[in-house]
Amino acid sequence: MSHARKEYTDFEKLAPDVFAVVRSLGQFAAKAGLDKQLIELIKIRASQINGCAFCVQYHILQSENLGIPVDKLNLVAVWREAPQFSARERAALAWTEALTMLPDGVSDEVYAQATAEFSEQELTYLTSAIASINVWNRFGAAYRWTPPARKQTANAAAS
């Protein structure tokens, strides 16, 4: 079992300027009008790929608060095989995986799927949300932040 090297709250205290920039980047997509449920799904998927227990738990709890059904949350890791996901969600999840696993590259097929579902501006904001969660994952996984309990999510900053 691993132990936390530092906690989420330590990050804000140690580097408040970095914390503020990363937090701000993560908020642009919702401010631009992208669906908050969709944003949470992509944050869960990137966090699963990156092995960030804190971010997986945090965004599952956020998703539950937004009304995403638990059966859908349970299937994010296998979204390709699950009928619960819309074409737009599938495009966003494929885009998330491609950007999170960059050594594999972003295929023309994934790009075409994303541009079929999202306007150029929406895709840019979606990309910013994916970039943001990948930054949070680097901190959370590196420092092994302790996953939040249900009551703590209301106080934690949106990532």
N, C-alpha and C. Protein backbone atom coordinates (compact mmCIF):
# COMPACT_ATOMS: atom_id res chain seq x y z
N MET A 1 0.84 -1.19 0.00
CA MET A 1 0.00 0.00 0.00
C MET A 1 0.89 1.25 0.00
N SER A 2 0.53 2.19 -0.82
CA SER A 2 1.32 3.41 -0.89
C SER A 2 0.81 4.43 0.12
N HIS A 3 1.64 5.36 0.42
CA HIS A 3 1.26 6.43 1.34
C HIS A 3 1.46 7.78 0.65
N ALA A 4 0.71 8.75 1.10
CA ALA A 4 0.82 10.08 0.51
C ALA A 4 2.19 10.67 0.80
N ARG A 5 2.78 11.25 -0.23
CA ARG A 5 4.05 11.97 -0.07
C ARG A 5 3.77 13.41 0.33
N LYS A 6 2.75 13.95 -0.22
CA LYS A 6 2.20 15.28 0.08
C LYS A 6 0.71 15.15 -0.18
N GLU A 7 -0.05 16.08 0.33
CA GLU A 7 -1.49 16.06 0.10
C GLU A 7 -1.91 17.19 -0.82
N TYR A 8 -3.11 17.07 -1.35
CA TYR A 8 -3.69 18.07 -2.23
C TYR A 8 -3.62 19.45 -1.60
N THR A 9 -3.96 19.54 -0.33
CA THR A 9 -3.94 20.83 0.36
C THR A 9 -2.53 21.40 0.47
N ASP A 10 -1.53 20.53 0.51
CA ASP A 10 -0.14 21.00 0.56
C ASP A 10 0.23 21.70 -0.75
N PHE A 11 -0.28 21.20 -1.87
CA PHE A 11 0.04 21.78 -3.18
C PHE A 11 -0.37 23.25 -3.22
N GLU A 12 -1.57 23.54 -2.75
CA GLU A 12 -2.04 24.92 -2.77
C GLU A 12 -1.17 25.82 -1.89
N LYS A 13 -0.74 25.29 -0.76
CA LYS A 13 0.10 26.07 0.16
C LYS A 13 1.52 26.25 -0.37
N LEU A 14 2.07 25.21 -0.99
CA LEU A 14 3.46 25.26 -1.46
C LEU A 14 3.63 26.10 -2.72
N ALA A 15 2.64 26.05 -3.61
CA ALA A 15 2.76 26.77 -4.89
C ALA A 15 1.40 27.36 -5.27
N PRO A 16 0.95 28.37 -4.54
CA PRO A 16 -0.38 28.92 -4.81
C PRO A 16 -0.54 29.47 -6.22
N ASP A 17 0.53 29.97 -6.81
CA ASP A 17 0.46 30.50 -8.17
C ASP A 17 0.25 29.38 -9.18
N VAL A 18 0.96 28.29 -9.03
CA VAL A 18 0.80 27.14 -9.92
C VAL A 18 -0.60 26.55 -9.73
N PHE A 19 -1.00 26.39 -8.50
CA PHE A 19 -2.32 25.86 -8.18
C PHE A 19 -3.41 26.69 -8.87
N ALA A 20 -3.30 28.01 -8.77
CA ALA A 20 -4.31 28.90 -9.36
C ALA A 20 -4.35 28.78 -10.88
N VAL A 21 -3.20 28.66 -11.52
CA VAL A 21 -3.16 28.55 -12.98
C VAL A 21 -3.77 27.23 -13.44
N VAL A 22 -3.40 26.14 -12.80
CA VAL A 22 -3.93 24.83 -13.19
C VAL A 22 -5.44 24.79 -12.93
N ARG A 23 -5.85 25.30 -11.80
CA ARG A 23 -7.29 25.34 -11.48
C ARG A 23 -8.04 26.16 -12.52
N SER A 24 -7.50 27.32 -12.86
CA SER A 24 -8.14 28.19 -13.85
C SER A 24 -8.26 27.51 -15.21
N LEU A 25 -7.20 26.85 -15.66
CA LEU A 25 -7.23 26.14 -16.93
C LEU A 25 -8.37 25.11 -16.94
N GLY A 26 -8.57 24.44 -15.83
CA GLY A 26 -9.60 23.43 -15.73
C GLY A 26 -11.01 23.97 -15.77
N GLN A 27 -11.18 25.26 -15.53
CA GLN A 27 -12.51 25.85 -15.48
C GLN A 27 -12.97 26.45 -16.80
N PHE A 28 -12.08 26.65 -17.74
CA PHE A 28 -12.43 27.32 -18.99
C PHE A 28 -13.48 26.56 -19.80
N ALA A 29 -13.39 25.25 -19.86
CA ALA A 29 -14.32 24.48 -20.69
C ALA A 29 -15.76 24.64 -20.22
N ALA A 30 -15.98 24.57 -18.92
CA ALA A 30 -17.33 24.75 -18.40
C ALA A 30 -17.81 26.19 -18.61
N LYS A 31 -16.91 27.14 -18.40
CA LYS A 31 -17.28 28.55 -18.61
C LYS A 31 -17.64 28.81 -20.07
N ALA A 32 -17.03 28.05 -20.98
CA ALA A 32 -17.31 28.20 -22.41
C ALA A 32 -18.61 27.50 -22.82
N GLY A 33 -19.23 26.78 -21.89
CA GLY A 33 -20.52 26.17 -22.17
C GLY A 33 -20.51 24.68 -22.43
N LEU A 34 -19.34 24.03 -22.36
CA LEU A 34 -19.35 22.58 -22.52
C LEU A 34 -20.07 21.94 -21.34
N ASP A 35 -20.77 20.87 -21.61
CA ASP A 35 -21.56 20.17 -20.61
C ASP A 35 -20.68 19.69 -19.45
N LYS A 36 -21.08 20.03 -18.23
CA LYS A 36 -20.28 19.68 -17.05
C LYS A 36 -20.20 18.17 -16.84
N GLN A 37 -21.26 17.45 -17.18
CA GLN A 37 -21.22 15.99 -17.05
C GLN A 37 -20.18 15.40 -18.01
N LEU A 38 -20.15 15.90 -19.23
CA LEU A 38 -19.17 15.44 -20.21
C LEU A 38 -17.75 15.72 -19.72
N ILE A 39 -17.54 16.90 -19.18
CA ILE A 39 -16.21 17.27 -18.67
C ILE A 39 -15.78 16.32 -17.55
N GLU A 40 -16.71 15.98 -16.68
CA GLU A 40 -16.36 15.04 -15.60
C GLU A 40 -16.01 13.66 -16.15
N LEU A 41 -16.72 13.21 -17.16
CA LEU A 41 -16.41 11.89 -17.75
C LEU A 41 -15.00 11.87 -18.32
N ILE A 42 -14.60 12.93 -19.00
CA ILE A 42 -13.25 12.93 -19.58
C ILE A 42 -12.18 13.02 -18.48
N LYS A 43 -12.50 13.72 -17.40
CA LYS A 43 -11.55 13.82 -16.30
C LYS A 43 -11.38 12.47 -15.60
N ILE A 44 -12.47 11.73 -15.47
CA ILE A 44 -12.38 10.39 -14.89
C ILE A 44 -11.52 9.51 -15.79
N ARG A 45 -11.79 9.54 -17.09
CA ARG A 45 -11.05 8.64 -18.00
C ARG A 45 -9.56 8.95 -18.03
N ALA A 46 -9.18 10.22 -18.12
CA ALA A 46 -7.76 10.57 -18.10
C ALA A 46 -7.13 10.14 -16.78
N SER A 47 -7.84 10.35 -15.70
CA SER A 47 -7.31 9.99 -14.38
C SER A 47 -7.14 8.49 -14.22
N GLN A 48 -8.05 7.71 -14.81
CA GLN A 48 -7.90 6.25 -14.80
C GLN A 48 -6.63 5.86 -15.54
N ILE A 49 -6.44 6.43 -16.72
CA ILE A 49 -5.27 6.10 -17.54
C ILE A 49 -3.99 6.45 -16.80
N ASN A 50 -3.98 7.61 -16.14
CA ASN A 50 -2.79 8.09 -15.46
C ASN A 50 -2.59 7.52 -14.07
N GLY A 51 -3.54 6.74 -13.60
CA GLY A 51 -3.39 6.10 -12.30
C GLY A 51 -3.44 7.07 -11.13
N CYS A 52 -4.24 8.11 -11.23
CA CYS A 52 -4.35 9.10 -10.15
C CYS A 52 -5.59 8.79 -9.33
N ALA A 53 -5.41 8.11 -8.20
CA ALA A 53 -6.54 7.70 -7.36
C ALA A 53 -7.31 8.91 -6.83
N PHE A 54 -6.59 9.95 -6.42
CA PHE A 54 -7.26 11.15 -5.92
C PHE A 54 -8.21 11.70 -6.96
N CYS A 55 -7.73 11.90 -8.19
CA CYS A 55 -8.55 12.51 -9.24
C CYS A 55 -9.69 11.61 -9.68
N VAL A 56 -9.48 10.30 -9.74
CA VAL A 56 -10.57 9.38 -10.09
C VAL A 56 -11.68 9.53 -9.06
N GLN A 57 -11.34 9.44 -7.78
CA GLN A 57 -12.35 9.54 -6.72
C GLN A 57 -13.00 10.92 -6.72
N TYR A 58 -12.21 11.97 -6.81
CA TYR A 58 -12.74 13.33 -6.79
C TYR A 58 -13.78 13.52 -7.91
N HIS A 59 -13.43 13.09 -9.12
CA HIS A 59 -14.33 13.33 -10.25
C HIS A 59 -15.51 12.36 -10.29
N ILE A 60 -15.38 11.20 -9.70
CA ILE A 60 -16.55 10.33 -9.53
C ILE A 60 -17.54 11.01 -8.58
N LEU A 61 -17.05 11.55 -7.48
CA LEU A 61 -17.93 12.22 -6.53
C LEU A 61 -18.56 13.46 -7.16
N GLN A 62 -17.79 14.22 -7.93
CA GLN A 62 -18.34 15.38 -8.63
C GLN A 62 -19.42 14.94 -9.62
N SER A 63 -19.17 13.84 -10.31
CA SER A 63 -20.13 13.32 -11.29
C SER A 63 -21.43 12.89 -10.64
N GLU A 64 -21.32 12.24 -9.50
CA GLU A 64 -22.52 11.84 -8.76
C GLU A 64 -23.32 13.08 -8.37
N ASN A 65 -22.62 14.13 -7.92
CA ASN A 65 -23.30 15.38 -7.54
C ASN A 65 -24.00 16.02 -8.74
N LEU A 66 -23.50 15.79 -9.94
CA LEU A 66 -24.11 16.33 -11.16
C LEU A 66 -25.22 15.44 -11.71
N GLY A 67 -25.42 14.27 -11.07
CA GLY A 67 -26.51 13.39 -11.48
C GLY A 67 -26.15 12.34 -12.52
N ILE A 68 -24.87 12.11 -12.77
CA ILE A 68 -24.49 11.05 -13.70
C ILE A 68 -24.79 9.71 -13.03
N PRO A 69 -25.52 8.83 -13.68
CA PRO A 69 -25.86 7.54 -13.08
C PRO A 69 -24.62 6.71 -12.73
N VAL A 70 -24.70 6.03 -11.60
CA VAL A 70 -23.58 5.23 -11.12
C VAL A 70 -23.19 4.14 -12.12
N ASP A 71 -24.18 3.53 -12.79
CA ASP A 71 -23.84 2.48 -13.76
C ASP A 71 -23.00 3.05 -14.90
N LYS A 72 -23.23 4.28 -15.27
CA LYS A 72 -22.43 4.91 -16.33
C LYS A 72 -21.01 5.18 -15.82
N LEU A 73 -20.90 5.67 -14.59
CA LEU A 73 -19.58 5.93 -14.00
C LEU A 73 -18.78 4.65 -13.89
N ASN A 74 -19.44 3.55 -13.55
CA ASN A 74 -18.76 2.27 -13.43
C ASN A 74 -18.21 1.77 -14.76
N LEU A 75 -18.73 2.29 -15.87
CA LEU A 75 -18.36 1.80 -17.19
C LEU A 75 -17.44 2.74 -17.97
N VAL A 76 -17.00 3.83 -17.37
CA VAL A 76 -16.13 4.76 -18.07
C VAL A 76 -14.87 4.07 -18.59
N ALA A 77 -14.30 3.18 -17.80
CA ALA A 77 -13.07 2.49 -18.21
C ALA A 77 -13.27 1.62 -19.45
N VAL A 78 -14.50 1.19 -19.69
CA VAL A 78 -14.80 0.32 -20.84
C VAL A 78 -15.88 0.96 -21.71
N TRP A 79 -15.81 2.25 -21.90
CA TRP A 79 -16.84 3.01 -22.60
C TRP A 79 -17.11 2.51 -24.01
N ARG A 80 -16.12 1.96 -24.68
CA ARG A 80 -16.34 1.47 -26.05
C ARG A 80 -17.34 0.31 -26.10
N GLU A 81 -17.38 -0.47 -25.03
CA GLU A 81 -18.25 -1.63 -24.98
C GLU A 81 -19.59 -1.35 -24.31
N ALA A 82 -19.78 -0.15 -23.79
CA ALA A 82 -20.99 0.16 -23.02
C ALA A 82 -21.95 1.04 -23.83
N PRO A 83 -23.22 0.66 -23.88
CA PRO A 83 -24.19 1.43 -24.67
C PRO A 83 -24.63 2.75 -24.02
N GLN A 84 -24.23 3.01 -22.79
CA GLN A 84 -24.68 4.21 -22.07
C GLN A 84 -24.13 5.52 -22.62
N PHE A 85 -23.12 5.47 -23.46
CA PHE A 85 -22.43 6.68 -23.90
C PHE A 85 -22.92 7.13 -25.27
N SER A 86 -23.20 8.42 -25.37
CA SER A 86 -23.66 9.02 -26.63
C SER A 86 -22.49 9.15 -27.61
N ALA A 87 -22.82 9.48 -28.85
CA ALA A 87 -21.76 9.69 -29.86
C ALA A 87 -20.84 10.84 -29.44
N ARG A 88 -21.40 11.87 -28.88
CA ARG A 88 -20.60 13.02 -28.42
C ARG A 88 -19.67 12.61 -27.28
N GLU A 89 -20.19 11.86 -26.33
CA GLU A 89 -19.36 11.37 -25.22
C GLU A 89 -18.26 10.44 -25.73
N ARG A 90 -18.60 9.58 -26.67
CA ARG A 90 -17.60 8.67 -27.23
C ARG A 90 -16.49 9.44 -27.94
N ALA A 91 -16.86 10.47 -28.67
CA ALA A 91 -15.85 11.30 -29.35
C ALA A 91 -14.96 11.98 -28.32
N ALA A 92 -15.56 12.50 -27.26
CA ALA A 92 -14.78 13.17 -26.21
C ALA A 92 -13.86 12.19 -25.48
N LEU A 93 -14.35 11.00 -25.21
CA LEU A 93 -13.52 10.00 -24.52
C LEU A 93 -12.38 9.51 -25.42
N ALA A 94 -12.65 9.33 -26.70
CA ALA A 94 -11.58 8.94 -27.63
C ALA A 94 -10.53 10.05 -27.73
N TRP A 95 -10.99 11.29 -27.80
CA TRP A 95 -10.08 12.45 -27.85
C TRP A 95 -9.24 12.51 -26.57
N THR A 96 -9.88 12.26 -25.44
CA THR A 96 -9.19 12.25 -24.15
C THR A 96 -8.08 11.19 -24.13
N GLU A 97 -8.41 10.00 -24.57
CA GLU A 97 -7.42 8.92 -24.58
C GLU A 97 -6.26 9.26 -25.50
N ALA A 98 -6.56 9.80 -26.67
CA ALA A 98 -5.50 10.14 -27.63
C ALA A 98 -4.57 11.21 -27.07
N LEU A 99 -5.13 12.21 -26.41
CA LEU A 99 -4.30 13.29 -25.86
C LEU A 99 -3.58 12.89 -24.58
N THR A 100 -4.14 11.94 -23.86
CA THR A 100 -3.51 11.46 -22.63
C THR A 100 -2.38 10.48 -22.94
N MET A 101 -2.52 9.74 -24.00
CA MET A 101 -1.50 8.76 -24.41
C MET A 101 -0.81 9.25 -25.68
N LEU A 102 -0.22 10.42 -25.62
CA LEU A 102 0.35 11.05 -26.80
C LEU A 102 1.38 10.24 -27.57
N PRO A 103 2.19 9.40 -26.93
CA PRO A 103 3.12 8.60 -27.74
C PRO A 103 2.41 7.76 -28.81
N ASP A 104 1.14 7.44 -28.57
CA ASP A 104 0.36 6.69 -29.55
C ASP A 104 -0.13 7.59 -30.68
N GLY A 105 -0.11 8.90 -30.45
CA GLY A 105 -0.54 9.85 -31.47
C GLY A 105 -2.04 10.03 -31.51
N VAL A 106 -2.46 11.06 -32.23
CA VAL A 106 -3.87 11.34 -32.44
C VAL A 106 -4.17 10.96 -33.89
N SER A 107 -4.91 9.90 -34.06
CA SER A 107 -5.19 9.40 -35.41
C SER A 107 -6.15 10.32 -36.15
N ASP A 108 -6.13 10.22 -37.46
CA ASP A 108 -7.08 10.97 -38.29
C ASP A 108 -8.51 10.56 -37.96
N GLU A 109 -8.71 9.28 -37.65
CA GLU A 109 -10.04 8.78 -37.31
C GLU A 109 -10.57 9.43 -36.03
N VAL A 110 -9.74 9.51 -35.01
CA VAL A 110 -10.15 10.13 -33.75
C VAL A 110 -10.40 11.63 -33.96
N TYR A 111 -9.55 12.27 -34.73
CA TYR A 111 -9.74 13.70 -35.03
C TYR A 111 -11.05 13.92 -35.79
N ALA A 112 -11.33 13.07 -36.77
CA ALA A 112 -12.58 13.20 -37.54
C ALA A 112 -13.80 12.97 -36.65
N GLN A 113 -13.71 12.00 -35.78
CA GLN A 113 -14.81 11.73 -34.85
C GLN A 113 -15.03 12.94 -33.93
N ALA A 114 -13.96 13.52 -33.43
CA ALA A 114 -14.08 14.67 -32.54
C ALA A 114 -14.65 15.89 -33.26
N THR A 115 -14.17 16.15 -34.47
CA THR A 115 -14.64 17.33 -35.20
C THR A 115 -16.06 17.15 -35.73
N ALA A 116 -16.52 15.91 -35.82
CA ALA A 116 -17.91 15.66 -36.21
C ALA A 116 -18.87 15.99 -35.07
N GLU A 117 -18.40 15.91 -33.85
CA GLU A 117 -19.25 16.13 -32.68
C GLU A 117 -19.06 17.49 -32.01
N PHE A 118 -17.91 18.13 -32.23
CA PHE A 118 -17.59 19.38 -31.55
C PHE A 118 -17.19 20.45 -32.56
N SER A 119 -17.61 21.68 -32.32
CA SER A 119 -17.15 22.79 -33.14
C SER A 119 -15.66 23.01 -32.87
N GLU A 120 -15.01 23.80 -33.71
CA GLU A 120 -13.59 24.08 -33.50
C GLU A 120 -13.36 24.69 -32.12
N GLN A 121 -14.22 25.63 -31.73
CA GLN A 121 -14.06 26.27 -30.43
C GLN A 121 -14.31 25.27 -29.29
N GLU A 122 -15.37 24.47 -29.40
CA GLU A 122 -15.65 23.47 -28.38
C GLU A 122 -14.49 22.49 -28.23
N LEU A 123 -13.92 22.06 -29.35
CA LEU A 123 -12.82 21.11 -29.29
C LEU A 123 -11.59 21.74 -28.63
N THR A 124 -11.38 23.01 -28.86
CA THR A 124 -10.27 23.70 -28.22
C THR A 124 -10.47 23.74 -26.70
N TYR A 125 -11.68 24.05 -26.27
CA TYR A 125 -11.96 24.07 -24.83
C TYR A 125 -11.93 22.67 -24.23
N LEU A 126 -12.42 21.69 -24.97
CA LEU A 126 -12.33 20.31 -24.50
C LEU A 126 -10.87 19.91 -24.33
N THR A 127 -10.05 20.30 -25.28
CA THR A 127 -8.61 20.01 -25.20
C THR A 127 -8.00 20.68 -23.96
N SER A 128 -8.45 21.89 -23.64
CA SER A 128 -7.92 22.56 -22.45
C SER A 128 -8.31 21.80 -21.18
N ALA A 129 -9.52 21.24 -21.14
CA ALA A 129 -9.94 20.46 -19.97
C ALA A 129 -9.11 19.18 -19.85
N ILE A 130 -8.81 18.56 -20.98
CA ILE A 130 -7.99 17.34 -20.97
C ILE A 130 -6.57 17.68 -20.54
N ALA A 131 -6.04 18.79 -21.05
CA ALA A 131 -4.70 19.22 -20.63
C ALA A 131 -4.66 19.47 -19.13
N SER A 132 -5.69 20.13 -18.63
CA SER A 132 -5.74 20.45 -17.20
C SER A 132 -5.76 19.19 -16.33
N ILE A 133 -6.63 18.24 -16.66
CA ILE A 133 -6.71 17.05 -15.82
C ILE A 133 -5.41 16.25 -15.90
N ASN A 134 -4.75 16.27 -17.03
CA ASN A 134 -3.47 15.59 -17.12
C ASN A 134 -2.42 16.25 -16.24
N VAL A 135 -2.47 17.58 -16.11
CA VAL A 135 -1.56 18.27 -15.18
C VAL A 135 -1.89 17.88 -13.74
N TRP A 136 -3.19 17.93 -13.38
CA TRP A 136 -3.57 17.52 -12.03
C TRP A 136 -3.12 16.09 -11.74
N ASN A 137 -3.28 15.20 -12.72
CA ASN A 137 -2.89 13.80 -12.54
C ASN A 137 -1.40 13.66 -12.24
N ARG A 138 -0.59 14.50 -12.88
CA ARG A 138 0.86 14.44 -12.63
C ARG A 138 1.17 14.75 -11.18
N PHE A 139 0.50 15.76 -10.64
CA PHE A 139 0.71 16.10 -9.23
C PHE A 139 0.13 15.03 -8.32
N GLY A 140 -1.11 14.64 -8.57
CA GLY A 140 -1.78 13.67 -7.71
C GLY A 140 -1.08 12.33 -7.67
N ALA A 141 -0.64 11.85 -8.83
CA ALA A 141 0.05 10.55 -8.88
C ALA A 141 1.47 10.65 -8.29
N ALA A 142 2.16 11.74 -8.60
CA ALA A 142 3.54 11.89 -8.11
C ALA A 142 3.58 11.97 -6.58
N TYR A 143 2.63 12.69 -6.02
CA TYR A 143 2.61 12.90 -4.57
C TYR A 143 1.69 11.94 -3.84
N ARG A 144 1.01 11.08 -4.62
CA ARG A 144 0.10 10.07 -4.06
C ARG A 144 -0.94 10.69 -3.13
N TRP A 145 -1.59 11.74 -3.63
CA TRP A 145 -2.61 12.38 -2.82
C TRP A 145 -3.65 11.37 -2.37
N THR A 146 -4.06 11.47 -1.15
CA THR A 146 -5.08 10.59 -0.60
C THR A 146 -6.43 10.89 -1.26
N PRO A 147 -7.11 9.89 -1.80
CA PRO A 147 -8.43 10.14 -2.41
C PRO A 147 -9.38 10.75 -1.39
N PRO A 148 -10.18 11.70 -1.83
CA PRO A 148 -11.07 12.39 -0.89
C PRO A 148 -12.24 11.52 -0.45
N ALA A 149 -12.69 11.77 0.77
CA ALA A 149 -13.92 11.15 1.26
C ALA A 149 -15.08 11.97 0.73
N ARG A 150 -16.25 11.44 0.75
CA ARG A 150 -17.41 12.13 0.22
C ARG A 150 -17.58 13.54 0.78
N LYS A 151 -17.42 13.73 2.05
CA LYS A 151 -17.67 15.04 2.66
C LYS A 151 -16.62 16.08 2.26
N GLN A 152 -15.43 15.66 1.82
CA GLN A 152 -14.37 16.59 1.49
C GLN A 152 -14.53 17.21 0.11
N THR A 153 -15.27 16.60 -0.77
CA THR A 153 -15.35 17.11 -2.14
C THR A 153 -16.00 18.47 -2.23
N ALA A 154 -16.88 18.78 -1.32
CA ALA A 154 -17.53 20.09 -1.36
C ALA A 154 -16.52 21.20 -1.09
N ASN A 155 -15.47 20.90 -0.33
CA ASN A 155 -14.47 21.90 0.03
C ASN A 155 -13.29 21.95 -0.92
N ALA A 156 -13.08 20.89 -1.69
CA ALA A 156 -11.91 20.85 -2.58
C ALA A 156 -12.15 21.74 -3.79
N ALA A 157 -11.07 22.28 -4.31
CA ALA A 157 -11.17 23.14 -5.49
C ALA A 157 -11.47 22.29 -6.72
N ALA A 158 -12.21 22.83 -7.65
CA ALA A 158 -12.51 22.12 -8.90
C ALA A 158 -11.23 21.99 -9.70
N SER A 159 -10.95 20.76 -10.10
CA SER A 159 -9.75 20.57 -10.91
C SER A 159 -10.08 20.42 -12.36
